[in-house]
Amino acid sequence: MNEKAQNSKDYKSFVQNTLKKDETVLDVTIGFIGEMMGEKEDRQYNGVLICTNQRVVFHSKGWFSEVNRSIPLEKVSSIDLDKGLLFQSIKIHTSNDGIYVRSALKFEELQRFQKNIEEARDAKNLNSEENLQNNNSLAEDDPIAKIKKLSELKEQGIISDEEFNQKKKELMDQI
C-alpha cells in the first residue's frame, strides 16, 4: 500500500465514513479523476483509489464536497494500464461503467494495484461459486427441496399422483 495515500485526508475520510463493517482495505493509491479545467461530471477531483475485499472505490473529500465512485469487484470485467510521460492511468471497466484514474506515481505501483484488484475479484468469484455449490448440495439433501422437485415433476406429468404420494411419504418420514 502507498504510505502517502494511507496518510491522506481522503483515505482517512473513507475509512471513517464509507468503509463497511465487513469490508477490508487491500490496497490504496493516489490519483485524480476528471479534467483539469473540467466542469460538472468532468471536473477534476484529487483523491485515493481504494481496493477492498468487496469493491474498488475512488474517494475524494473536499471542503464542500465528497466524491465516491464505486464498482463491486464481481462487476470488474477488465483493467487497462497506460504509461505516459507525465501521468500513468488505470481504467477499471464493467460491462457498462468504469473508473478512470490518472496518477503521477510510478507505473509499477499501478501494476501492483491492478494485480491486487484481480486477485481480490478472482477470490470473491471463487467464494461465490463455492457457496453456490454448497447451497446446491445442501438443497439436494433437503427433503423439503426434494418434495418441491417431485411436485414439479408431477405437474409436468413425468410422475403419477401415486408415485408422488409414495415418495412424499418417504421424504416426510425423514423430517
N, C-alpha and C. Protein backbone atom coordinates (compact mmCIF):
# COMPACT_ATOMS: atom_id res chain seq x y z
N MET A 1 0.84 -1.18 0.00
CA MET A 1 0.00 0.00 0.00
C MET A 1 0.88 1.25 0.00
N ASN A 2 0.37 2.26 -0.61
CA ASN A 2 1.08 3.52 -0.70
C ASN A 2 0.94 4.27 0.63
N GLU A 3 2.08 4.53 1.29
CA GLU A 3 2.08 5.17 2.61
C GLU A 3 1.51 6.58 2.55
N LYS A 4 1.85 7.32 1.51
CA LYS A 4 1.33 8.68 1.37
C LYS A 4 -0.19 8.64 1.23
N ALA A 5 -0.70 7.69 0.49
CA ALA A 5 -2.15 7.57 0.32
C ALA A 5 -2.82 7.21 1.64
N GLN A 6 -2.21 6.32 2.42
CA GLN A 6 -2.78 5.92 3.71
C GLN A 6 -2.85 7.09 4.70
N ASN A 7 -1.96 8.05 4.56
CA ASN A 7 -1.93 9.20 5.47
C ASN A 7 -2.76 10.39 4.96
N SER A 8 -3.39 10.24 3.81
CA SER A 8 -4.14 11.36 3.22
C SER A 8 -5.49 11.55 3.90
N LYS A 9 -6.01 12.77 3.82
CA LYS A 9 -7.33 13.07 4.37
C LYS A 9 -8.42 12.29 3.64
N ASP A 10 -8.22 12.02 2.35
CA ASP A 10 -9.21 11.27 1.57
C ASP A 10 -9.34 9.84 2.09
N TYR A 11 -8.20 9.20 2.33
CA TYR A 11 -8.22 7.82 2.83
C TYR A 11 -8.82 7.77 4.23
N LYS A 12 -8.41 8.67 5.09
CA LYS A 12 -8.94 8.70 6.46
C LYS A 12 -10.45 8.94 6.46
N SER A 13 -10.93 9.82 5.58
CA SER A 13 -12.36 10.08 5.45
C SER A 13 -13.09 8.82 4.99
N PHE A 14 -12.51 8.11 4.01
CA PHE A 14 -13.13 6.87 3.52
C PHE A 14 -13.25 5.85 4.64
N VAL A 15 -12.17 5.61 5.36
CA VAL A 15 -12.17 4.61 6.43
C VAL A 15 -13.18 4.99 7.52
N GLN A 16 -13.24 6.25 7.85
CA GLN A 16 -14.12 6.71 8.93
C GLN A 16 -15.59 6.73 8.52
N ASN A 17 -15.89 7.14 7.28
CA ASN A 17 -17.28 7.39 6.90
C ASN A 17 -17.88 6.43 5.88
N THR A 18 -17.07 5.73 5.11
CA THR A 18 -17.59 4.97 3.99
C THR A 18 -17.32 3.47 4.08
N LEU A 19 -16.23 3.09 4.71
CA LEU A 19 -15.85 1.68 4.80
C LEU A 19 -16.93 0.91 5.56
N LYS A 20 -17.38 -0.20 4.98
CA LYS A 20 -18.41 -1.02 5.62
C LYS A 20 -17.80 -1.88 6.72
N LYS A 21 -18.61 -2.33 7.65
CA LYS A 21 -18.11 -3.12 8.78
C LYS A 21 -17.45 -4.42 8.35
N ASP A 22 -17.99 -5.06 7.31
CA ASP A 22 -17.44 -6.34 6.86
C ASP A 22 -16.46 -6.19 5.71
N GLU A 23 -15.92 -4.99 5.55
CA GLU A 23 -15.03 -4.68 4.43
C GLU A 23 -13.60 -4.45 4.93
N THR A 24 -12.64 -4.93 4.15
CA THR A 24 -11.22 -4.78 4.49
C THR A 24 -10.50 -4.10 3.34
N VAL A 25 -9.70 -3.09 3.65
CA VAL A 25 -8.91 -2.41 2.62
C VAL A 25 -7.72 -3.30 2.26
N LEU A 26 -7.56 -3.56 0.97
CA LEU A 26 -6.46 -4.38 0.48
C LEU A 26 -5.33 -3.55 -0.12
N ASP A 27 -5.69 -2.41 -0.73
CA ASP A 27 -4.68 -1.56 -1.35
C ASP A 27 -5.25 -0.16 -1.53
N VAL A 28 -4.37 0.82 -1.56
CA VAL A 28 -4.78 2.21 -1.78
C VAL A 28 -3.66 2.93 -2.53
N THR A 29 -4.05 3.81 -3.44
CA THR A 29 -3.08 4.60 -4.18
C THR A 29 -3.67 5.99 -4.44
N ILE A 30 -2.83 6.94 -4.78
CA ILE A 30 -3.25 8.32 -5.00
C ILE A 30 -3.46 8.55 -6.50
N GLY A 31 -4.46 9.38 -6.80
CA GLY A 31 -4.69 9.72 -8.19
C GLY A 31 -5.75 10.80 -8.32
N PHE A 32 -6.19 11.04 -9.56
CA PHE A 32 -7.25 12.01 -9.78
C PHE A 32 -8.13 11.56 -10.93
N ILE A 33 -9.37 12.02 -10.89
CA ILE A 33 -10.32 11.74 -11.96
C ILE A 33 -10.73 13.08 -12.57
N GLY A 34 -11.25 13.04 -13.77
CA GLY A 34 -11.73 14.26 -14.41
C GLY A 34 -10.64 15.02 -15.13
N GLU A 35 -11.02 16.20 -15.60
CA GLU A 35 -10.12 17.05 -16.37
C GLU A 35 -9.76 18.30 -15.58
N MET A 36 -8.55 18.81 -15.78
CA MET A 36 -8.05 19.95 -15.00
C MET A 36 -9.02 21.14 -15.06
N MET A 37 -9.51 21.47 -16.20
CA MET A 37 -10.43 22.61 -16.33
C MET A 37 -11.86 22.13 -16.57
N GLY A 38 -12.14 20.91 -16.22
CA GLY A 38 -13.46 20.34 -16.48
C GLY A 38 -14.54 20.91 -15.59
N GLU A 39 -15.77 20.76 -16.05
CA GLU A 39 -16.93 21.21 -15.30
C GLU A 39 -17.90 20.05 -15.12
N LYS A 40 -18.75 20.16 -14.11
CA LYS A 40 -19.77 19.17 -13.79
C LYS A 40 -19.16 17.79 -13.69
N GLU A 41 -19.60 16.83 -14.53
CA GLU A 41 -19.07 15.45 -14.42
C GLU A 41 -17.59 15.35 -14.76
N ASP A 42 -17.09 16.30 -15.56
CA ASP A 42 -15.69 16.26 -15.99
C ASP A 42 -14.76 17.02 -15.05
N ARG A 43 -15.29 17.55 -13.97
CA ARG A 43 -14.48 18.30 -13.02
C ARG A 43 -13.40 17.40 -12.41
N GLN A 44 -12.24 17.96 -12.20
CA GLN A 44 -11.14 17.18 -11.63
C GLN A 44 -11.28 17.07 -10.11
N TYR A 45 -11.08 15.84 -9.62
CA TYR A 45 -11.05 15.59 -8.18
C TYR A 45 -9.78 14.82 -7.87
N ASN A 46 -9.01 15.31 -6.91
CA ASN A 46 -7.85 14.58 -6.42
C ASN A 46 -8.31 13.71 -5.26
N GLY A 47 -7.81 12.48 -5.19
CA GLY A 47 -8.25 11.59 -4.12
C GLY A 47 -7.46 10.30 -4.09
N VAL A 48 -8.11 9.28 -3.60
CA VAL A 48 -7.47 7.97 -3.49
C VAL A 48 -8.32 6.92 -4.20
N LEU A 49 -7.63 5.95 -4.76
CA LEU A 49 -8.27 4.79 -5.36
C LEU A 49 -8.03 3.64 -4.39
N ILE A 50 -9.11 3.01 -3.96
CA ILE A 50 -9.04 2.01 -2.90
C ILE A 50 -9.61 0.70 -3.41
N CYS A 51 -8.90 -0.37 -3.12
CA CYS A 51 -9.40 -1.72 -3.40
C CYS A 51 -9.70 -2.39 -2.06
N THR A 52 -10.94 -2.83 -1.89
CA THR A 52 -11.31 -3.57 -0.68
C THR A 52 -11.63 -5.00 -1.09
N ASN A 53 -12.00 -5.81 -0.13
CA ASN A 53 -12.38 -7.19 -0.44
C ASN A 53 -13.75 -7.26 -1.12
N GLN A 54 -14.44 -6.10 -1.29
CA GLN A 54 -15.75 -6.09 -1.90
C GLN A 54 -15.88 -5.20 -3.12
N ARG A 55 -15.06 -4.15 -3.21
CA ARG A 55 -15.25 -3.17 -4.27
C ARG A 55 -13.98 -2.36 -4.53
N VAL A 56 -14.02 -1.62 -5.63
CA VAL A 56 -12.99 -0.64 -5.95
C VAL A 56 -13.67 0.72 -5.87
N VAL A 57 -13.04 1.66 -5.14
CA VAL A 57 -13.66 2.96 -4.90
C VAL A 57 -12.67 4.09 -5.15
N PHE A 58 -13.11 5.11 -5.88
CA PHE A 58 -12.37 6.36 -5.91
C PHE A 58 -13.05 7.26 -4.90
N HIS A 59 -12.27 7.82 -3.96
CA HIS A 59 -12.84 8.67 -2.90
C HIS A 59 -12.05 9.97 -2.81
N SER A 60 -12.81 11.07 -2.80
CA SER A 60 -12.21 12.39 -2.65
C SER A 60 -13.03 13.18 -1.65
N LYS A 61 -12.37 13.75 -0.67
CA LYS A 61 -13.05 14.55 0.35
C LYS A 61 -12.53 15.97 0.26
N GLY A 62 -13.41 16.89 -0.18
CA GLY A 62 -13.05 18.30 -0.25
C GLY A 62 -13.71 19.07 0.87
N TRP A 63 -13.53 20.38 0.86
CA TRP A 63 -14.14 21.23 1.88
C TRP A 63 -15.66 21.20 1.79
N PHE A 64 -16.17 21.26 0.57
CA PHE A 64 -17.62 21.36 0.38
C PHE A 64 -18.23 20.18 -0.37
N SER A 65 -17.41 19.22 -0.72
CA SER A 65 -17.94 18.09 -1.49
C SER A 65 -17.21 16.80 -1.14
N GLU A 66 -17.87 15.73 -1.46
CA GLU A 66 -17.28 14.41 -1.29
C GLU A 66 -17.67 13.59 -2.51
N VAL A 67 -16.70 12.90 -3.09
CA VAL A 67 -16.94 12.10 -4.29
C VAL A 67 -16.63 10.64 -3.98
N ASN A 68 -17.57 9.77 -4.32
CA ASN A 68 -17.38 8.33 -4.21
C ASN A 68 -17.82 7.69 -5.52
N ARG A 69 -16.92 7.03 -6.18
CA ARG A 69 -17.27 6.25 -7.37
C ARG A 69 -16.85 4.82 -7.05
N SER A 70 -17.81 3.92 -7.08
CA SER A 70 -17.58 2.57 -6.59
C SER A 70 -18.01 1.52 -7.61
N ILE A 71 -17.24 0.45 -7.69
CA ILE A 71 -17.58 -0.69 -8.54
C ILE A 71 -17.42 -1.96 -7.71
N PRO A 72 -18.46 -2.79 -7.61
CA PRO A 72 -18.31 -4.08 -6.92
C PRO A 72 -17.27 -4.94 -7.65
N LEU A 73 -16.46 -5.66 -6.89
CA LEU A 73 -15.39 -6.46 -7.51
C LEU A 73 -15.90 -7.43 -8.56
N GLU A 74 -17.05 -8.07 -8.28
CA GLU A 74 -17.54 -9.07 -9.22
C GLU A 74 -17.98 -8.46 -10.55
N LYS A 75 -18.17 -7.14 -10.59
CA LYS A 75 -18.57 -6.46 -11.82
C LYS A 75 -17.37 -6.02 -12.67
N VAL A 76 -16.16 -6.07 -12.11
CA VAL A 76 -14.96 -5.65 -12.85
C VAL A 76 -14.71 -6.65 -13.97
N SER A 77 -14.78 -6.15 -15.22
CA SER A 77 -14.57 -7.04 -16.36
C SER A 77 -13.14 -6.98 -16.90
N SER A 78 -12.52 -5.80 -16.82
CA SER A 78 -11.14 -5.67 -17.28
C SER A 78 -10.51 -4.43 -16.66
N ILE A 79 -9.18 -4.42 -16.71
CA ILE A 79 -8.41 -3.29 -16.17
C ILE A 79 -7.32 -2.95 -17.18
N ASP A 80 -7.28 -1.69 -17.57
CA ASP A 80 -6.26 -1.22 -18.50
C ASP A 80 -5.29 -0.31 -17.78
N LEU A 81 -4.02 -0.46 -18.09
CA LEU A 81 -2.98 0.44 -17.58
C LEU A 81 -2.33 1.14 -18.76
N ASP A 82 -2.07 2.43 -18.60
CA ASP A 82 -1.36 3.18 -19.62
C ASP A 82 -0.22 3.94 -18.97
N LYS A 83 0.93 3.87 -19.62
CA LYS A 83 2.12 4.56 -19.12
C LYS A 83 2.37 5.78 -20.00
N GLY A 84 2.31 6.97 -19.39
CA GLY A 84 2.53 8.21 -20.14
C GLY A 84 3.81 8.88 -19.69
N LEU A 85 4.10 10.01 -20.31
CA LEU A 85 5.30 10.76 -19.94
C LEU A 85 5.16 11.40 -18.56
N LEU A 86 4.01 12.04 -18.30
CA LEU A 86 3.79 12.70 -17.03
C LEU A 86 2.92 11.89 -16.07
N PHE A 87 1.87 11.29 -16.63
CA PHE A 87 0.91 10.57 -15.80
C PHE A 87 0.71 9.14 -16.27
N GLN A 88 0.51 8.26 -15.33
CA GLN A 88 0.12 6.89 -15.60
C GLN A 88 -1.40 6.84 -15.38
N SER A 89 -2.08 5.89 -15.99
CA SER A 89 -3.53 5.80 -15.77
C SER A 89 -3.95 4.35 -15.61
N ILE A 90 -5.03 4.20 -14.87
CA ILE A 90 -5.66 2.90 -14.69
C ILE A 90 -7.14 3.07 -15.00
N LYS A 91 -7.66 2.20 -15.85
CA LYS A 91 -9.07 2.21 -16.21
C LYS A 91 -9.67 0.89 -15.75
N ILE A 92 -10.65 0.98 -14.89
CA ILE A 92 -11.32 -0.20 -14.36
C ILE A 92 -12.68 -0.26 -15.03
N HIS A 93 -12.93 -1.31 -15.81
CA HIS A 93 -14.13 -1.41 -16.63
C HIS A 93 -15.14 -2.41 -16.05
N THR A 94 -16.42 -2.09 -16.27
CA THR A 94 -17.51 -3.06 -16.08
C THR A 94 -18.18 -3.17 -17.44
N SER A 95 -19.27 -3.90 -17.51
CA SER A 95 -19.95 -4.03 -18.80
C SER A 95 -20.55 -2.70 -19.28
N ASN A 96 -20.86 -1.77 -18.36
CA ASN A 96 -21.47 -0.52 -18.80
C ASN A 96 -20.97 0.72 -18.05
N ASP A 97 -19.88 0.60 -17.30
CA ASP A 97 -19.41 1.72 -16.49
C ASP A 97 -17.90 1.57 -16.30
N GLY A 98 -17.32 2.47 -15.55
CA GLY A 98 -15.90 2.36 -15.27
C GLY A 98 -15.39 3.50 -14.42
N ILE A 99 -14.19 3.34 -13.95
CA ILE A 99 -13.48 4.38 -13.22
C ILE A 99 -12.15 4.58 -13.93
N TYR A 100 -11.85 5.84 -14.26
CA TYR A 100 -10.62 6.19 -14.96
C TYR A 100 -9.84 7.13 -14.05
N VAL A 101 -8.69 6.66 -13.56
CA VAL A 101 -7.88 7.44 -12.62
C VAL A 101 -6.49 7.63 -13.21
N ARG A 102 -6.00 8.86 -13.12
CA ARG A 102 -4.63 9.15 -13.55
C ARG A 102 -3.80 9.47 -12.32
N SER A 103 -2.50 9.19 -12.42
CA SER A 103 -1.61 9.36 -11.28
C SER A 103 -0.21 9.71 -11.75
N ALA A 104 0.51 10.45 -10.90
CA ALA A 104 1.91 10.78 -11.18
C ALA A 104 2.85 9.76 -10.53
N LEU A 105 2.28 8.71 -9.94
CA LEU A 105 3.08 7.69 -9.26
C LEU A 105 3.80 6.82 -10.28
N LYS A 106 4.70 6.00 -9.78
CA LYS A 106 5.41 5.07 -10.64
C LYS A 106 4.44 4.05 -11.24
N PHE A 107 4.72 3.66 -12.48
CA PHE A 107 3.87 2.71 -13.20
C PHE A 107 3.77 1.39 -12.44
N GLU A 108 4.86 0.99 -11.79
CA GLU A 108 4.89 -0.27 -11.05
C GLU A 108 3.85 -0.28 -9.93
N GLU A 109 3.58 0.89 -9.36
CA GLU A 109 2.57 0.96 -8.29
C GLU A 109 1.18 0.66 -8.84
N LEU A 110 0.87 1.19 -10.02
CA LEU A 110 -0.43 0.89 -10.62
C LEU A 110 -0.51 -0.58 -11.06
N GLN A 111 0.62 -1.15 -11.47
CA GLN A 111 0.64 -2.58 -11.81
C GLN A 111 0.32 -3.42 -10.57
N ARG A 112 0.91 -3.04 -9.44
CA ARG A 112 0.63 -3.74 -8.19
C ARG A 112 -0.85 -3.61 -7.82
N PHE A 113 -1.38 -2.41 -7.98
CA PHE A 113 -2.78 -2.15 -7.66
C PHE A 113 -3.69 -3.01 -8.55
N GLN A 114 -3.38 -3.06 -9.84
CA GLN A 114 -4.15 -3.89 -10.77
C GLN A 114 -4.12 -5.36 -10.34
N LYS A 115 -2.95 -5.85 -9.98
CA LYS A 115 -2.80 -7.25 -9.54
C LYS A 115 -3.66 -7.51 -8.30
N ASN A 116 -3.67 -6.57 -7.36
CA ASN A 116 -4.47 -6.74 -6.14
C ASN A 116 -5.97 -6.76 -6.44
N ILE A 117 -6.42 -5.92 -7.37
CA ILE A 117 -7.84 -5.94 -7.76
C ILE A 117 -8.19 -7.29 -8.36
N GLU A 118 -7.36 -7.75 -9.30
CA GLU A 118 -7.65 -9.01 -9.98
C GLU A 118 -7.66 -10.19 -9.01
N GLU A 119 -6.71 -10.21 -8.08
CA GLU A 119 -6.68 -11.29 -7.09
C GLU A 119 -7.91 -11.25 -6.18
N ALA A 120 -8.31 -10.06 -5.75
CA ALA A 120 -9.49 -9.93 -4.89
C ALA A 120 -10.75 -10.32 -5.64
N ARG A 121 -10.85 -9.89 -6.91
CA ARG A 121 -12.02 -10.25 -7.73
C ARG A 121 -12.10 -11.75 -7.94
N ASP A 122 -10.97 -12.37 -8.27
CA ASP A 122 -10.95 -13.81 -8.51
C ASP A 122 -11.29 -14.58 -7.24
N ALA A 123 -10.78 -14.12 -6.08
CA ALA A 123 -11.09 -14.78 -4.82
C ALA A 123 -12.57 -14.65 -4.49
N LYS A 124 -13.14 -13.48 -4.74
CA LYS A 124 -14.58 -13.25 -4.47
C LYS A 124 -15.42 -14.13 -5.39
N ASN A 125 -15.06 -14.21 -6.66
CA ASN A 125 -15.80 -15.06 -7.60
C ASN A 125 -15.69 -16.53 -7.22
N LEU A 126 -14.51 -16.97 -6.79
CA LEU A 126 -14.30 -18.35 -6.38
C LEU A 126 -15.16 -18.67 -5.16
N ASN A 127 -15.19 -17.75 -4.18
CA ASN A 127 -16.02 -17.95 -2.99
C ASN A 127 -17.49 -18.02 -3.35
N SER A 128 -17.94 -17.19 -4.29
CA SER A 128 -19.34 -17.20 -4.71
C SER A 128 -19.70 -18.53 -5.35
N GLU A 129 -18.80 -19.05 -6.19
CA GLU A 129 -19.05 -20.34 -6.83
C GLU A 129 -19.09 -21.47 -5.81
N GLU A 130 -18.17 -21.43 -4.83
CA GLU A 130 -18.16 -22.47 -3.79
C GLU A 130 -19.43 -22.41 -2.95
N ASN A 131 -19.88 -21.20 -2.60
CA ASN A 131 -21.11 -21.07 -1.83
C ASN A 131 -22.31 -21.59 -2.60
N LEU A 132 -22.35 -21.30 -3.90
CA LEU A 132 -23.44 -21.79 -4.73
C LEU A 132 -23.43 -23.32 -4.79
N GLN A 133 -22.24 -23.91 -4.95
CA GLN A 133 -22.14 -25.37 -4.97
C GLN A 133 -22.55 -25.96 -3.63
N ASN A 134 -22.12 -25.33 -2.53
CA ASN A 134 -22.51 -25.81 -1.20
C ASN A 134 -24.01 -25.72 -1.00
N ASN A 135 -24.63 -24.61 -1.43
CA ASN A 135 -26.07 -24.46 -1.30
C ASN A 135 -26.80 -25.48 -2.15
N ASN A 136 -26.29 -25.75 -3.36
CA ASN A 136 -26.92 -26.75 -4.21
C ASN A 136 -26.83 -28.14 -3.59
N SER A 137 -25.68 -28.48 -3.00
CA SER A 137 -25.54 -29.80 -2.39
C SER A 137 -26.41 -29.92 -1.15
N LEU A 138 -26.57 -28.81 -0.40
CA LEU A 138 -27.47 -28.83 0.76
C LEU A 138 -28.90 -29.01 0.30
N ALA A 139 -29.28 -28.33 -0.79
CA ALA A 139 -30.64 -28.45 -1.31
C ALA A 139 -30.92 -29.87 -1.79
N GLU A 140 -29.90 -30.54 -2.33
CA GLU A 140 -30.08 -31.91 -2.80
C GLU A 140 -30.35 -32.86 -1.65
N ASP A 141 -29.84 -32.56 -0.45
CA ASP A 141 -30.04 -33.41 0.71
C ASP A 141 -31.29 -33.02 1.50
N ASP A 142 -31.90 -31.90 1.18
CA ASP A 142 -33.04 -31.38 1.92
C ASP A 142 -34.33 -32.07 1.46
N PRO A 143 -35.03 -32.76 2.37
CA PRO A 143 -36.27 -33.45 1.99
C PRO A 143 -37.34 -32.49 1.46
N ILE A 144 -37.44 -31.30 2.01
CA ILE A 144 -38.43 -30.32 1.55
C ILE A 144 -38.14 -29.93 0.10
N ALA A 145 -36.86 -29.68 -0.20
CA ALA A 145 -36.48 -29.33 -1.57
C ALA A 145 -36.80 -30.48 -2.52
N LYS A 146 -36.60 -31.70 -2.07
CA LYS A 146 -36.91 -32.87 -2.91
C LYS A 146 -38.41 -32.97 -3.16
N ILE A 147 -39.22 -32.68 -2.15
CA ILE A 147 -40.68 -32.72 -2.31
C ILE A 147 -41.12 -31.67 -3.33
N LYS A 148 -40.54 -30.49 -3.25
CA LYS A 148 -40.87 -29.44 -4.22
C LYS A 148 -40.51 -29.89 -5.64
N LYS A 149 -39.37 -30.52 -5.78
CA LYS A 149 -38.94 -31.01 -7.10
C LYS A 149 -39.90 -32.09 -7.60
N LEU A 150 -40.30 -32.98 -6.69
CA LEU A 150 -41.26 -34.03 -7.06
C LEU A 150 -42.59 -33.41 -7.50
N SER A 151 -43.03 -32.37 -6.80
CA SER A 151 -44.27 -31.69 -7.15
C SER A 151 -44.20 -31.12 -8.57
N GLU A 152 -43.05 -30.55 -8.92
CA GLU A 152 -42.86 -30.04 -10.28
C GLU A 152 -42.94 -31.17 -11.30
N LEU A 153 -42.32 -32.30 -10.97
CA LEU A 153 -42.36 -33.45 -11.88
C LEU A 153 -43.77 -33.96 -12.06
N LYS A 154 -44.56 -33.96 -10.96
CA LYS A 154 -45.95 -34.40 -11.03
C LYS A 154 -46.76 -33.45 -11.90
N GLU A 155 -46.57 -32.14 -11.72
CA GLU A 155 -47.30 -31.14 -12.51
C GLU A 155 -46.97 -31.24 -13.99
N GLN A 156 -45.75 -31.66 -14.30
CA GLN A 156 -45.33 -31.80 -15.70
C GLN A 156 -45.78 -33.14 -16.29
N GLY A 157 -46.36 -33.98 -15.45
CA GLY A 157 -46.84 -35.28 -15.93
C GLY A 157 -45.75 -36.33 -16.04
N ILE A 158 -44.59 -36.07 -15.46
CA ILE A 158 -43.47 -37.01 -15.55
C ILE A 158 -43.67 -38.16 -14.57
N ILE A 159 -44.24 -37.87 -13.41
CA ILE A 159 -44.57 -38.94 -12.45
C ILE A 159 -46.06 -38.86 -12.13
N SER A 160 -46.62 -39.99 -11.70
CA SER A 160 -48.05 -40.05 -11.40
C SER A 160 -48.32 -39.54 -9.98
N ASP A 161 -49.61 -39.32 -9.68
CA ASP A 161 -50.01 -38.91 -8.34
C ASP A 161 -49.60 -39.97 -7.32
N GLU A 162 -49.76 -41.21 -7.69
CA GLU A 162 -49.41 -42.32 -6.78
C GLU A 162 -47.91 -42.33 -6.48
N GLU A 163 -47.09 -42.17 -7.52
CA GLU A 163 -45.64 -42.13 -7.31
C GLU A 163 -45.25 -40.93 -6.45
N PHE A 164 -45.88 -39.80 -6.70
CA PHE A 164 -45.60 -38.59 -5.93
C PHE A 164 -45.93 -38.82 -4.45
N ASN A 165 -47.13 -39.33 -4.18
CA ASN A 165 -47.56 -39.52 -2.79
C ASN A 165 -46.67 -40.52 -2.05
N GLN A 166 -46.26 -41.57 -2.74
CA GLN A 166 -45.40 -42.58 -2.12
C GLN A 166 -44.03 -41.98 -1.75
N LYS A 167 -43.43 -41.27 -2.69
CA LYS A 167 -42.11 -40.67 -2.44
C LYS A 167 -42.22 -39.55 -1.41
N LYS A 168 -43.31 -38.79 -1.46
CA LYS A 168 -43.53 -37.70 -0.48
C LYS A 168 -43.59 -38.25 0.92
N LYS A 169 -44.29 -39.40 1.10
CA LYS A 169 -44.39 -40.03 2.42
C LYS A 169 -43.01 -40.45 2.93
N GLU A 170 -42.21 -41.02 2.06
CA GLU A 170 -40.85 -41.43 2.44
C GLU A 170 -40.01 -40.21 2.89
N LEU A 171 -40.13 -39.12 2.14
CA LEU A 171 -39.36 -37.91 2.47
C LEU A 171 -39.87 -37.25 3.74
N MET A 172 -41.18 -37.27 3.96
CA MET A 172 -41.75 -36.68 5.17
C MET A 172 -41.29 -37.46 6.41
N ASP A 173 -41.07 -38.77 6.27
CA ASP A 173 -40.57 -39.57 7.38
C ASP A 173 -39.15 -39.18 7.77
N GLN A 174 -38.40 -38.56 6.84
CA GLN A 174 -37.03 -38.14 7.12
C GLN A 174 -36.96 -36.84 7.93
N ILE A 175 -38.07 -36.12 7.94
CA ILE A 175 -38.09 -34.81 8.63
C ILE A 175 -38.28 -34.99 10.12
